[in-house]
Amino acid sequence: MKKLLASLLLSFIASYCSADNSVQLVTEIDADHCRLINKNVCVTEKRDEKKAIKKCNKWHINQASEQGANRVLITDNTYSEHRRPHYDGSSKTIKTREYLADYYACDLAEVSVVNDTQQEALPVNNSGASKSSIEDRLLRLESLKKKGLISAEEYAAKRAEILSEL
């Protein structure tokens, strides 16, 4: 379910980032250069999951902008159904979707270097650092070194820090 959410999120990121250039949807946060501003949840009764994601992405971007954040990280989603009685005695199934997001204020000078070298975004992962995210971080770090954006000493120190998370 989370992989589906991440893939749908990635398909919408480009179109929503253009709505407000100061706020971007991201799939990971660099904790060294970002601070948490707020957490918020978007609730929708849209039946179509793509439309629900589209609605909540726009909503989260607007909320983040109002609160002074420049990054939105969708962290979790839930889905539930309940029956609502109709006036004629029948009932209707209501599908409720909730999308939880964290709003961050990130130092754009530092974050833009990371985002420029990142070729593809990572899926949402609430279980901590996985091997694939560590591998991607190491590849991104190596790319920064090859481009001359960080020194050999900075590379070695950060690489050791990432590997210590294994």
N, C-alpha and C. Protein backbone atom coordinates (compact mmCIF):
# COMPACT_ATOMS: atom_id res chain seq x y z
N MET A 1 0.83 -1.19 0.00
CA MET A 1 0.00 0.00 0.00
C MET A 1 0.87 1.25 0.00
N LYS A 2 1.94 1.23 0.80
CA LYS A 2 2.81 2.40 0.87
C LYS A 2 3.57 2.60 -0.44
N LYS A 3 3.92 1.48 -1.13
CA LYS A 3 4.59 1.61 -2.41
C LYS A 3 3.65 2.25 -3.43
N LEU A 4 2.38 1.87 -3.38
CA LEU A 4 1.39 2.47 -4.27
C LEU A 4 1.26 3.95 -3.98
N LEU A 5 1.18 4.31 -2.71
CA LEU A 5 1.08 5.72 -2.33
C LEU A 5 2.29 6.48 -2.82
N ALA A 6 3.47 5.92 -2.64
CA ALA A 6 4.70 6.60 -3.07
C ALA A 6 4.72 6.78 -4.58
N SER A 7 4.33 5.74 -5.33
CA SER A 7 4.35 5.88 -6.79
C SER A 7 3.32 6.89 -7.27
N LEU A 8 2.15 6.90 -6.66
CA LEU A 8 1.15 7.90 -7.03
C LEU A 8 1.61 9.30 -6.65
N LEU A 9 2.23 9.40 -5.49
CA LEU A 9 2.74 10.70 -5.04
C LEU A 9 3.77 11.23 -6.03
N LEU A 10 4.68 10.37 -6.49
CA LEU A 10 5.71 10.80 -7.42
C LEU A 10 5.11 11.25 -8.75
N SER A 11 4.03 10.61 -9.17
CA SER A 11 3.42 10.98 -10.44
C SER A 11 2.79 12.36 -10.38
N PHE A 12 2.43 12.81 -9.18
CA PHE A 12 1.79 14.10 -9.04
C PHE A 12 2.75 15.22 -8.62
N ILE A 13 3.94 14.90 -8.17
CA ILE A 13 4.84 15.90 -7.61
C ILE A 13 5.10 17.05 -8.58
N ALA A 14 5.44 16.75 -9.81
CA ALA A 14 5.80 17.81 -10.75
C ALA A 14 4.67 18.80 -10.96
N SER A 15 3.45 18.30 -11.13
CA SER A 15 2.34 19.22 -11.39
C SER A 15 2.00 20.06 -10.17
N TYR A 16 2.16 19.53 -8.97
CA TYR A 16 1.79 20.29 -7.79
C TYR A 16 2.86 21.26 -7.35
N CYS A 17 4.10 20.93 -7.63
CA CYS A 17 5.17 21.84 -7.25
C CYS A 17 5.07 23.13 -8.05
N SER A 18 4.53 23.06 -9.25
CA SER A 18 4.39 24.27 -10.05
C SER A 18 3.29 25.17 -9.51
N ALA A 19 2.35 24.64 -8.72
CA ALA A 19 1.27 25.44 -8.17
C ALA A 19 1.80 26.47 -7.18
N ASP A 20 2.79 26.10 -6.41
CA ASP A 20 3.40 27.02 -5.45
C ASP A 20 4.88 26.68 -5.39
N ASN A 21 5.70 27.47 -6.08
CA ASN A 21 7.12 27.16 -6.21
C ASN A 21 7.86 27.16 -4.89
N SER A 22 7.30 27.77 -3.86
CA SER A 22 8.01 27.83 -2.60
C SER A 22 7.82 26.57 -1.76
N VAL A 23 6.85 25.72 -2.09
CA VAL A 23 6.60 24.49 -1.35
C VAL A 23 6.69 23.31 -2.30
N GLN A 24 7.43 22.28 -1.89
CA GLN A 24 7.58 21.09 -2.71
C GLN A 24 7.20 19.85 -1.93
N LEU A 25 6.58 18.90 -2.63
CA LEU A 25 6.34 17.57 -2.06
C LEU A 25 7.62 16.78 -2.24
N VAL A 26 8.06 16.11 -1.19
CA VAL A 26 9.28 15.32 -1.25
C VAL A 26 9.01 13.94 -0.66
N THR A 27 9.90 13.01 -0.95
CA THR A 27 9.75 11.66 -0.42
C THR A 27 10.78 11.35 0.66
N GLU A 28 11.69 12.29 0.91
CA GLU A 28 12.62 12.14 2.02
C GLU A 28 13.08 13.52 2.45
N ILE A 29 13.53 13.60 3.68
CA ILE A 29 13.97 14.87 4.25
C ILE A 29 15.39 14.71 4.75
N ASP A 30 16.22 15.71 4.47
CA ASP A 30 17.57 15.75 5.00
C ASP A 30 17.50 16.40 6.39
N ALA A 31 17.54 15.59 7.42
CA ALA A 31 17.36 16.07 8.79
C ALA A 31 18.41 17.10 9.20
N ASP A 32 19.56 17.08 8.55
CA ASP A 32 20.62 18.03 8.89
C ASP A 32 20.28 19.46 8.46
N HIS A 33 19.42 19.60 7.45
CA HIS A 33 19.16 20.92 6.89
C HIS A 33 17.68 21.32 6.95
N CYS A 34 16.87 20.53 7.63
CA CYS A 34 15.44 20.82 7.70
C CYS A 34 14.96 20.71 9.15
N ARG A 35 13.98 21.54 9.49
CA ARG A 35 13.37 21.42 10.82
C ARG A 35 11.86 21.28 10.65
N LEU A 36 11.29 20.46 11.51
CA LEU A 36 9.85 20.19 11.47
C LEU A 36 9.09 21.42 11.93
N ILE A 37 8.13 21.85 11.12
CA ILE A 37 7.28 22.99 11.47
C ILE A 37 5.97 22.50 12.09
N ASN A 38 5.35 21.52 11.44
CA ASN A 38 4.04 21.04 11.90
C ASN A 38 3.72 19.70 11.25
N LYS A 39 2.74 19.03 11.82
CA LYS A 39 2.18 17.81 11.25
C LYS A 39 0.71 18.08 11.02
N ASN A 40 0.16 17.55 9.92
CA ASN A 40 -1.24 17.80 9.63
C ASN A 40 -1.81 16.61 8.86
N VAL A 41 -3.12 16.48 8.90
CA VAL A 41 -3.77 15.37 8.20
C VAL A 41 -4.88 15.92 7.31
N CYS A 42 -4.90 15.43 6.09
CA CYS A 42 -5.95 15.78 5.14
C CYS A 42 -6.94 14.61 5.10
N VAL A 43 -8.21 14.92 5.25
CA VAL A 43 -9.25 13.89 5.22
C VAL A 43 -10.14 14.16 4.01
N THR A 44 -10.39 13.13 3.21
CA THR A 44 -11.24 13.27 2.04
C THR A 44 -12.13 12.06 1.89
N GLU A 45 -13.27 12.27 1.26
CA GLU A 45 -14.20 11.18 0.97
C GLU A 45 -14.25 10.90 -0.53
N LYS A 46 -13.23 11.28 -1.24
CA LYS A 46 -13.16 10.99 -2.68
C LYS A 46 -13.05 9.49 -2.87
N ARG A 47 -13.81 8.95 -3.79
CA ARG A 47 -13.79 7.50 -4.05
C ARG A 47 -12.52 7.08 -4.78
N ASP A 48 -12.12 7.85 -5.73
CA ASP A 48 -10.95 7.53 -6.54
C ASP A 48 -9.68 7.91 -5.78
N GLU A 49 -8.77 6.96 -5.62
CA GLU A 49 -7.55 7.22 -4.84
C GLU A 49 -6.68 8.29 -5.48
N LYS A 50 -6.58 8.30 -6.80
CA LYS A 50 -5.76 9.31 -7.48
C LYS A 50 -6.32 10.71 -7.21
N LYS A 51 -7.65 10.84 -7.27
CA LYS A 51 -8.26 12.14 -7.00
C LYS A 51 -8.09 12.54 -5.54
N ALA A 52 -8.14 11.56 -4.65
CA ALA A 52 -7.94 11.84 -3.22
C ALA A 52 -6.52 12.34 -2.98
N ILE A 53 -5.56 11.69 -3.59
CA ILE A 53 -4.16 12.10 -3.43
C ILE A 53 -3.96 13.50 -4.02
N LYS A 54 -4.54 13.73 -5.18
CA LYS A 54 -4.42 15.05 -5.82
C LYS A 54 -4.99 16.15 -4.93
N LYS A 55 -6.18 15.90 -4.39
CA LYS A 55 -6.81 16.88 -3.51
C LYS A 55 -5.97 17.14 -2.27
N CYS A 56 -5.51 16.07 -1.62
CA CYS A 56 -4.75 16.24 -0.37
C CYS A 56 -3.36 16.82 -0.61
N ASN A 57 -2.73 16.50 -1.73
CA ASN A 57 -1.44 17.12 -2.04
C ASN A 57 -1.58 18.63 -2.15
N LYS A 58 -2.59 19.08 -2.88
CA LYS A 58 -2.83 20.52 -3.01
C LYS A 58 -3.12 21.14 -1.64
N TRP A 59 -3.94 20.46 -0.86
CA TRP A 59 -4.30 20.97 0.46
C TRP A 59 -3.07 21.09 1.36
N HIS A 60 -2.24 20.04 1.37
CA HIS A 60 -1.02 20.07 2.20
C HIS A 60 -0.07 21.18 1.74
N ILE A 61 0.07 21.37 0.44
CA ILE A 61 0.94 22.43 -0.06
C ILE A 61 0.44 23.79 0.41
N ASN A 62 -0.85 24.03 0.32
CA ASN A 62 -1.42 25.30 0.78
C ASN A 62 -1.22 25.50 2.28
N GLN A 63 -1.47 24.45 3.05
CA GLN A 63 -1.30 24.54 4.51
C GLN A 63 0.16 24.80 4.87
N ALA A 64 1.07 24.09 4.21
CA ALA A 64 2.50 24.27 4.49
C ALA A 64 2.94 25.70 4.15
N SER A 65 2.46 26.21 3.03
CA SER A 65 2.81 27.56 2.63
C SER A 65 2.34 28.59 3.67
N GLU A 66 1.12 28.41 4.16
CA GLU A 66 0.58 29.32 5.17
C GLU A 66 1.39 29.28 6.47
N GLN A 67 2.02 28.13 6.75
CA GLN A 67 2.76 27.97 8.01
C GLN A 67 4.25 28.23 7.86
N GLY A 68 4.66 28.66 6.68
CA GLY A 68 6.06 29.01 6.47
C GLY A 68 6.97 27.84 6.16
N ALA A 69 6.41 26.72 5.77
CA ALA A 69 7.22 25.55 5.42
C ALA A 69 7.50 25.57 3.92
N ASN A 70 8.58 24.90 3.50
CA ASN A 70 8.87 24.81 2.08
C ASN A 70 8.99 23.37 1.58
N ARG A 71 8.79 22.40 2.45
CA ARG A 71 8.80 20.99 2.07
C ARG A 71 7.65 20.27 2.76
N VAL A 72 7.00 19.35 2.04
CA VAL A 72 5.93 18.52 2.58
C VAL A 72 6.32 17.07 2.36
N LEU A 73 6.30 16.29 3.44
CA LEU A 73 6.61 14.87 3.38
C LEU A 73 5.36 14.10 3.80
N ILE A 74 4.76 13.36 2.85
CA ILE A 74 3.60 12.52 3.17
C ILE A 74 4.15 11.31 3.93
N THR A 75 3.71 11.14 5.17
CA THR A 75 4.29 10.09 6.01
C THR A 75 3.42 8.86 6.16
N ASP A 76 2.11 9.00 6.03
CA ASP A 76 1.24 7.85 6.23
C ASP A 76 -0.12 8.12 5.60
N ASN A 77 -0.84 7.05 5.33
CA ASN A 77 -2.19 7.18 4.85
C ASN A 77 -3.05 6.06 5.43
N THR A 78 -4.34 6.36 5.62
CA THR A 78 -5.28 5.35 6.10
C THR A 78 -6.52 5.39 5.23
N TYR A 79 -7.20 4.28 5.23
CA TYR A 79 -8.42 4.13 4.43
C TYR A 79 -9.44 3.42 5.30
N SER A 80 -10.67 3.93 5.31
CA SER A 80 -11.73 3.26 6.07
C SER A 80 -13.05 3.42 5.33
N GLU A 81 -13.97 2.53 5.64
CA GLU A 81 -15.31 2.58 5.08
C GLU A 81 -16.32 2.52 6.21
N HIS A 82 -17.41 3.25 6.06
CA HIS A 82 -18.51 3.14 7.01
C HIS A 82 -19.82 3.37 6.27
N ARG A 83 -20.89 2.92 6.84
CA ARG A 83 -22.22 3.04 6.22
C ARG A 83 -22.92 4.27 6.77
N ARG A 84 -23.47 5.07 5.85
CA ARG A 84 -24.24 6.24 6.24
C ARG A 84 -25.69 6.02 5.81
N PRO A 85 -26.64 6.13 6.74
CA PRO A 85 -28.04 5.90 6.37
C PRO A 85 -28.57 7.00 5.45
N HIS A 86 -29.40 6.58 4.51
CA HIS A 86 -30.06 7.50 3.60
C HIS A 86 -31.45 7.80 4.10
N TYR A 87 -32.06 8.87 3.61
CA TYR A 87 -33.40 9.25 4.02
C TYR A 87 -34.45 8.22 3.64
N ASP A 88 -34.19 7.42 2.60
CA ASP A 88 -35.17 6.43 2.15
C ASP A 88 -35.03 5.08 2.85
N GLY A 89 -34.21 5.00 3.87
CA GLY A 89 -34.03 3.76 4.63
C GLY A 89 -32.85 2.93 4.17
N SER A 90 -32.33 3.21 2.99
CA SER A 90 -31.14 2.49 2.53
C SER A 90 -29.90 3.10 3.18
N SER A 91 -28.74 2.57 2.85
CA SER A 91 -27.51 3.15 3.37
C SER A 91 -26.49 3.26 2.25
N LYS A 92 -25.55 4.13 2.45
CA LYS A 92 -24.51 4.40 1.47
C LYS A 92 -23.16 4.13 2.11
N THR A 93 -22.26 3.50 1.37
CA THR A 93 -20.91 3.25 1.86
C THR A 93 -20.06 4.49 1.61
N ILE A 94 -19.47 5.01 2.68
CA ILE A 94 -18.60 6.18 2.60
C ILE A 94 -17.16 5.72 2.78
N LYS A 95 -16.33 6.07 1.82
CA LYS A 95 -14.90 5.74 1.89
C LYS A 95 -14.15 6.98 2.33
N THR A 96 -13.43 6.86 3.42
CA THR A 96 -12.67 7.98 3.96
C THR A 96 -11.18 7.68 3.84
N ARG A 97 -10.46 8.64 3.30
CA ARG A 97 -9.01 8.52 3.17
C ARG A 97 -8.36 9.65 3.95
N GLU A 98 -7.30 9.32 4.67
CA GLU A 98 -6.55 10.32 5.43
C GLU A 98 -5.08 10.25 5.02
N TYR A 99 -4.51 11.41 4.77
CA TYR A 99 -3.10 11.50 4.39
C TYR A 99 -2.39 12.40 5.40
N LEU A 100 -1.49 11.79 6.17
CA LEU A 100 -0.73 12.50 7.19
C LEU A 100 0.56 13.03 6.56
N ALA A 101 0.88 14.28 6.85
CA ALA A 101 2.09 14.88 6.29
C ALA A 101 2.81 15.70 7.34
N ASP A 102 4.12 15.78 7.18
CA ASP A 102 4.96 16.63 8.01
C ASP A 102 5.38 17.82 7.15
N TYR A 103 5.37 19.01 7.75
CA TYR A 103 5.78 20.23 7.06
C TYR A 103 7.14 20.64 7.61
N TYR A 104 8.09 20.90 6.71
CA TYR A 104 9.45 21.24 7.10
C TYR A 104 9.89 22.58 6.51
N ALA A 105 10.72 23.27 7.24
CA ALA A 105 11.43 24.43 6.72
C ALA A 105 12.86 23.97 6.49
N CYS A 106 13.28 24.00 5.25
CA CYS A 106 14.61 23.50 4.90
C CYS A 106 15.48 24.63 4.38
N ASP A 107 16.77 24.54 4.68
CA ASP A 107 17.74 25.49 4.17
C ASP A 107 17.92 25.18 2.69
N LEU A 108 17.38 26.01 1.82
CA LEU A 108 17.34 25.72 0.39
C LEU A 108 18.72 25.63 -0.24
N ALA A 109 19.69 26.37 0.24
CA ALA A 109 21.04 26.31 -0.32
C ALA A 109 21.62 24.92 -0.15
N GLU A 110 21.41 24.31 1.00
CA GLU A 110 21.94 22.97 1.26
C GLU A 110 21.09 21.90 0.59
N VAL A 111 19.78 22.03 0.67
CA VAL A 111 18.88 21.00 0.14
C VAL A 111 18.92 20.94 -1.37
N SER A 112 19.09 22.09 -2.04
CA SER A 112 19.07 22.10 -3.50
C SER A 112 20.23 21.30 -4.07
N VAL A 113 21.37 21.26 -3.39
CA VAL A 113 22.49 20.45 -3.85
C VAL A 113 22.09 18.99 -3.83
N VAL A 114 21.42 18.54 -2.78
CA VAL A 114 20.99 17.16 -2.68
C VAL A 114 19.95 16.85 -3.74
N ASN A 115 18.96 17.73 -3.91
CA ASN A 115 17.88 17.46 -4.87
C ASN A 115 18.37 17.48 -6.30
N ASP A 116 19.38 18.31 -6.63
CA ASP A 116 19.90 18.36 -7.99
C ASP A 116 20.58 17.06 -8.38
N THR A 117 21.14 16.35 -7.42
CA THR A 117 21.86 15.13 -7.73
C THR A 117 20.99 13.89 -7.61
N GLN A 118 19.81 14.03 -7.07
CA GLN A 118 18.93 12.89 -6.86
C GLN A 118 18.16 12.62 -8.15
N GLN A 119 18.40 11.48 -8.77
CA GLN A 119 17.76 11.16 -10.04
C GLN A 119 16.35 10.65 -9.87
N GLU A 120 16.10 9.85 -8.86
CA GLU A 120 14.74 9.38 -8.62
C GLU A 120 14.46 9.41 -7.13
N ALA A 121 13.24 9.75 -6.79
CA ALA A 121 12.88 9.86 -5.39
C ALA A 121 12.65 8.49 -4.78
N LEU A 122 12.73 8.44 -3.46
CA LEU A 122 12.57 7.19 -2.73
C LEU A 122 11.15 7.05 -2.21
N PRO A 123 10.67 5.82 -2.04
CA PRO A 123 9.34 5.63 -1.47
C PRO A 123 9.31 5.97 0.01
N VAL A 124 8.10 6.22 0.51
CA VAL A 124 7.91 6.49 1.93
C VAL A 124 8.32 5.26 2.71
N ASN A 125 9.08 5.46 3.79
CA ASN A 125 9.55 4.33 4.59
C ASN A 125 9.50 4.73 6.05
N ASN A 126 8.53 4.19 6.78
CA ASN A 126 8.39 4.53 8.19
C ASN A 126 9.15 3.59 9.11
N SER A 127 9.82 2.59 8.56
CA SER A 127 10.48 1.59 9.39
C SER A 127 11.92 1.94 9.71
N GLY A 128 12.32 3.19 9.51
CA GLY A 128 13.71 3.56 9.78
C GLY A 128 14.53 3.45 8.52
N ALA A 129 15.84 3.45 8.68
CA ALA A 129 16.72 3.41 7.52
C ALA A 129 16.78 2.00 6.95
N SER A 130 16.33 1.81 5.73
CA SER A 130 16.40 0.50 5.10
C SER A 130 17.69 0.42 4.30
N LYS A 131 18.03 -0.78 3.85
CA LYS A 131 19.25 -0.96 3.09
C LYS A 131 19.19 -0.18 1.79
N SER A 132 18.00 -0.12 1.14
CA SER A 132 17.90 0.60 -0.13
C SER A 132 18.07 2.10 0.08
N SER A 133 17.54 2.64 1.17
CA SER A 133 17.70 4.08 1.38
C SER A 133 19.15 4.40 1.73
N ILE A 134 19.81 3.53 2.44
CA ILE A 134 21.22 3.74 2.75
C ILE A 134 22.04 3.65 1.47
N GLU A 135 21.71 2.69 0.62
CA GLU A 135 22.41 2.56 -0.65
C GLU A 135 22.22 3.81 -1.51
N ASP A 136 21.02 4.30 -1.57
CA ASP A 136 20.74 5.52 -2.34
C ASP A 136 21.47 6.72 -1.78
N ARG A 137 21.53 6.82 -0.46
CA ARG A 137 22.25 7.92 0.17
C ARG A 137 23.75 7.85 -0.16
N LEU A 138 24.30 6.63 -0.15
CA LEU A 138 25.71 6.46 -0.49
C LEU A 138 25.98 6.82 -1.94
N LEU A 139 25.07 6.42 -2.83
CA LEU A 139 25.23 6.76 -4.25
C LEU A 139 25.14 8.27 -4.47
N ARG A 140 24.23 8.90 -3.77
CA ARG A 140 24.07 10.35 -3.88
C ARG A 140 25.32 11.06 -3.34
N LEU A 141 25.86 10.54 -2.24
CA LEU A 141 27.07 11.11 -1.65
C LEU A 141 28.25 10.98 -2.63
N GLU A 142 28.36 9.81 -3.26
CA GLU A 142 29.44 9.60 -4.23
C GLU A 142 29.30 10.56 -5.41
N SER A 143 28.07 10.80 -5.84
CA SER A 143 27.82 11.73 -6.93
C SER A 143 28.26 13.15 -6.56
N LEU A 144 27.99 13.55 -5.32
CA LEU A 144 28.41 14.87 -4.85
C LEU A 144 29.93 14.99 -4.89
N LYS A 145 30.61 13.91 -4.49
CA LYS A 145 32.08 13.92 -4.48
C LYS A 145 32.62 14.02 -5.91
N LYS A 146 32.04 13.24 -6.84
CA LYS A 146 32.50 13.26 -8.23
C LYS A 146 32.31 14.63 -8.87
N LYS A 147 31.25 15.33 -8.48
CA LYS A 147 30.99 16.66 -9.04
C LYS A 147 31.82 17.74 -8.36
N GLY A 148 32.58 17.36 -7.34
CA GLY A 148 33.43 18.31 -6.64
C GLY A 148 32.69 19.20 -5.67
N LEU A 149 31.47 18.80 -5.29
CA LEU A 149 30.68 19.61 -4.37
C LEU A 149 31.04 19.38 -2.91
N ILE A 150 31.69 18.25 -2.64
CA ILE A 150 32.19 17.99 -1.29
C ILE A 150 33.62 17.48 -1.39
N SER A 151 34.39 17.68 -0.34
CA SER A 151 35.79 17.24 -0.33
C SER A 151 35.87 15.75 0.00
N ALA A 152 37.07 15.20 -0.19
CA ALA A 152 37.30 13.79 0.12
C ALA A 152 37.10 13.52 1.61
N GLU A 153 37.49 14.49 2.45
CA GLU A 153 37.34 14.34 3.89
C GLU A 153 35.86 14.34 4.28
N GLU A 154 35.10 15.28 3.69
CA GLU A 154 33.65 15.33 3.96
C GLU A 154 32.98 14.04 3.50
N TYR A 155 33.41 13.55 2.34
CA TYR A 155 32.86 12.30 1.80
C TYR A 155 33.11 11.14 2.77
N ALA A 156 34.35 11.01 3.23
CA ALA A 156 34.71 9.91 4.12
C ALA A 156 33.93 9.98 5.43
N ALA A 157 33.80 11.18 5.98
CA ALA A 157 33.09 11.34 7.26
C ALA A 157 31.61 11.00 7.11
N LYS A 158 30.98 11.52 6.06
CA LYS A 158 29.55 11.27 5.86
C LYS A 158 29.30 9.81 5.51
N ARG A 159 30.19 9.20 4.73
CA ARG A 159 30.05 7.79 4.37
C ARG A 159 30.09 6.92 5.62
N ALA A 160 31.03 7.21 6.52
CA ALA A 160 31.13 6.46 7.77
C ALA A 160 29.86 6.62 8.60
N GLU A 161 29.31 7.84 8.62
CA GLU A 161 28.08 8.10 9.37
C GLU A 161 26.91 7.30 8.80
N ILE A 162 26.79 7.26 7.48
CA ILE A 162 25.70 6.51 6.84
C ILE A 162 25.85 5.02 7.10
N LEU A 163 27.07 4.52 6.97
CA LEU A 163 27.31 3.09 7.18
C LEU A 163 27.08 2.67 8.63
N SER A 164 27.23 3.60 9.56
CA SER A 164 27.00 3.27 10.97
C SER A 164 25.52 2.99 11.24
N GLU A 165 24.64 3.40 10.34
CA GLU A 165 23.21 3.17 10.50
C GLU A 165 22.79 1.73 10.13
N LEU A 166 23.70 0.98 9.55
CA LEU A 166 23.38 -0.41 9.17
C LEU A 166 23.16 -1.29 10.37
